[in-house]
Amino acid sequence: MPEIRRIELTDDSVAQLIRLSELWAEEGCSFGMVKNTREDLKEPVFAAFDGDRIVGYAFGHFYTPEKKTSCIEPGSRCFELD
């Protein structure tokens, strides 16, 4: 069963993440999906593992909105998946 855990952005993990994004972009299964670059990847990164191999991932960033949105008050700490 795959395990999901937070990972550090090392040379090896970045290479695996970029390769996965290349494969997903080649599949053409999601409109606008493009290959990630090292600059795109922001911590924290969570990865799904099958043994030692990364088989999926998600990353995002924390932010504090200055303006009210439909459901978020100004000054609230938020996390957005990229």
C-alpha atoms as a PDB file:
ATOM      1  CA  MET A   1       0.000   0.000   0.000  1.00  0.00           C
ATOM      2  CA  PRO A   2       1.430   3.453  -0.913  1.00  0.00           C
ATOM      3  CA  GLU A   3       2.628   5.683   1.905  1.00  0.00           C
ATOM      4  CA  ILE A   4       2.328   9.488   1.873  1.00  0.00           C
ATOM      5  CA  ARG A   5       4.911  11.590   3.655  1.00  0.00           C
ATOM      6  CA  ARG A   6       6.518  15.010   3.583  1.00  0.00           C
ATOM      7  CA  ILE A   7       9.825  15.073   1.710  1.00  0.00           C
ATOM      8  CA  GLU A   8      12.833  17.342   1.412  1.00  0.00           C
ATOM      9  CA  LEU A   9      13.772  18.732  -1.998  1.00  0.00           C
ATOM     10  CA  THR A  10      17.054  16.925  -2.658  1.00  0.00           C
ATOM     11  CA  ASP A  11      18.656  16.433  -6.068  1.00  0.00           C
ATOM     12  CA  ASP A  12      17.237  12.897  -6.185  1.00  0.00           C
ATOM     13  CA  SER A  13      13.694  13.781  -5.099  1.00  0.00           C
ATOM     14  CA  VAL A  14      13.561  16.785  -7.462  1.00  0.00           C
ATOM     15  CA  ALA A  15      14.649  14.577 -10.376  1.00  0.00           C
ATOM     16  CA  GLN A  16      11.899  12.061  -9.552  1.00  0.00           C
ATOM     17  CA  LEU A  17       9.246  14.796  -9.235  1.00  0.00           C
ATOM     18  CA  ILE A  18      10.217  16.438 -12.516  1.00  0.00           C
ATOM     19  CA  ARG A  19      10.200  13.079 -14.314  1.00  0.00           C
ATOM     20  CA  LEU A  20       6.691  12.376 -13.013  1.00  0.00           C
ATOM     21  CA  SER A  21       5.503  15.779 -14.192  1.00  0.00           C
ATOM     22  CA  GLU A  22       6.994  15.063 -17.642  1.00  0.00           C
ATOM     23  CA  LEU A  23       5.073  11.790 -17.826  1.00  0.00           C
ATOM     24  CA  TRP A  24       1.827  13.444 -16.753  1.00  0.00           C
ATOM     25  CA  ALA A  25       2.267  16.264 -19.288  1.00  0.00           C
ATOM     26  CA  GLU A  26       2.932  13.694 -22.054  1.00  0.00           C
ATOM     27  CA  GLU A  27      -0.289  11.852 -21.161  1.00  0.00           C
ATOM     28  CA  GLY A  28      -2.303  14.952 -21.976  1.00  0.00           C
ATOM     29  CA  CYS A  29      -4.957  13.912 -19.464  1.00  0.00           C
ATOM     30  CA  SER A  30      -5.256  17.319 -17.792  1.00  0.00           C
ATOM     31  CA  PHE A  31      -5.730  20.575 -19.676  1.00  0.00           C
ATOM     32  CA  GLY A  32      -2.817  22.918 -19.102  1.00  0.00           C
ATOM     33  CA  MET A  33      -0.581  20.359 -17.364  1.00  0.00           C
ATOM     34  CA  VAL A  34       3.045  21.259 -17.999  1.00  0.00           C
ATOM     35  CA  LYS A  35       6.318  19.822 -16.776  1.00  0.00           C
ATOM     36  CA  ASN A  36       7.475  21.248 -13.449  1.00  0.00           C
ATOM     37  CA  THR A  37      10.879  22.863 -13.106  1.00  0.00           C
ATOM     38  CA  ARG A  38      12.994  23.074  -9.960  1.00  0.00           C
ATOM     39  CA  GLU A  39      11.830  26.663  -9.566  1.00  0.00           C
ATOM     40  CA  ASP A  40       8.173  25.536  -9.547  1.00  0.00           C
ATOM     41  CA  LEU A  41       8.617  23.177  -6.619  1.00  0.00           C
ATOM     42  CA  LYS A  42       7.940  24.795  -3.264  1.00  0.00           C
ATOM     43  CA  GLU A  43       8.117  23.255   0.159  1.00  0.00           C
ATOM     44  CA  PRO A  44       6.312  21.659   1.765  1.00  0.00           C
ATOM     45  CA  VAL A  45       6.130  18.750  -0.693  1.00  0.00           C
ATOM     46  CA  PHE A  46       4.158  15.616   0.080  1.00  0.00           C
ATOM     47  CA  ALA A  47       4.891  12.477  -1.918  1.00  0.00           C
ATOM     48  CA  ALA A  48       3.207   9.115  -2.314  1.00  0.00           C
ATOM     49  CA  PHE A  49       5.664   6.220  -2.248  1.00  0.00           C
ATOM     50  CA  ASP A  50       5.472   2.667  -3.543  1.00  0.00           C
ATOM     51  CA  GLY A  51       8.486   1.255  -1.735  1.00  0.00           C
ATOM     52  CA  ASP A  52      11.315   3.739  -2.359  1.00  0.00           C
ATOM     53  CA  ARG A  53       9.814   5.102  -5.572  1.00  0.00           C
ATOM     54  CA  ILE A  54       7.792   8.328  -5.661  1.00  0.00           C
ATOM     55  CA  VAL A  55       4.526   7.670  -7.529  1.00  0.00           C
ATOM     56  CA  GLY A  56       2.710  10.945  -6.860  1.00  0.00           C
ATOM     57  CA  TYR A  57       3.152  14.303  -5.186  1.00  0.00           C
ATOM     58  CA  ALA A  58       1.563  17.591  -4.203  1.00  0.00           C
ATOM     59  CA  PHE A  59       3.125  20.876  -3.163  1.00  0.00           C
ATOM     60  CA  GLY A  60       1.889  24.298  -2.245  1.00  0.00           C
ATOM     61  CA  HIS A  61       2.595  27.385  -0.244  1.00  0.00           C
ATOM     62  CA  PHE A  62       1.425  29.197   2.856  1.00  0.00           C
ATOM     63  CA  TYR A  63       0.119  32.719   2.482  1.00  0.00           C
ATOM     64  CA  THR A  64      -1.869  35.380   4.285  1.00  0.00           C
ATOM     65  CA  PRO A  65      -4.472  37.158   2.151  1.00  0.00           C
ATOM     66  CA  GLU A  66      -4.721  40.918   2.442  1.00  0.00           C
ATOM     67  CA  LYS A  67      -8.252  41.075   1.014  1.00  0.00           C
ATOM     68  CA  LYS A  68     -11.358  39.118   1.891  1.00  0.00           C
ATOM     69  CA  THR A  69     -12.286  36.328  -0.498  1.00  0.00           C
ATOM     70  CA  SER A  70     -15.592  34.485  -0.663  1.00  0.00           C
ATOM     71  CA  CYS A  71     -14.607  32.316   2.297  1.00  0.00           C
ATOM     72  CA  ILE A  72     -11.307  33.626   3.714  1.00  0.00           C
ATOM     73  CA  GLU A  73     -10.902  36.599   6.013  1.00  0.00           C
ATOM     74  CA  PRO A  74      -7.961  39.006   5.619  1.00  0.00           C
ATOM     75  CA  GLY A  75      -5.010  38.034   7.806  1.00  0.00           C
ATOM     76  CA  SER A  76      -5.931  34.330   7.937  1.00  0.00           C
ATOM     77  CA  ARG A  77      -3.061  31.898   7.459  1.00  0.00           C
ATOM     78  CA  CYS A  78      -3.829  29.705   4.433  1.00  0.00           C
ATOM     79  CA  PHE A  79      -2.274  26.895   2.416  1.00  0.00           C
ATOM     80  CA  GLU A  80      -2.786  26.673  -1.323  1.00  0.00           C
ATOM     81  CA  LEU A  81      -2.023  23.592  -3.405  1.00  0.00           C
ATOM     82  CA  ASP A  82      -0.079  24.485  -6.523  1.00  0.00           C
END
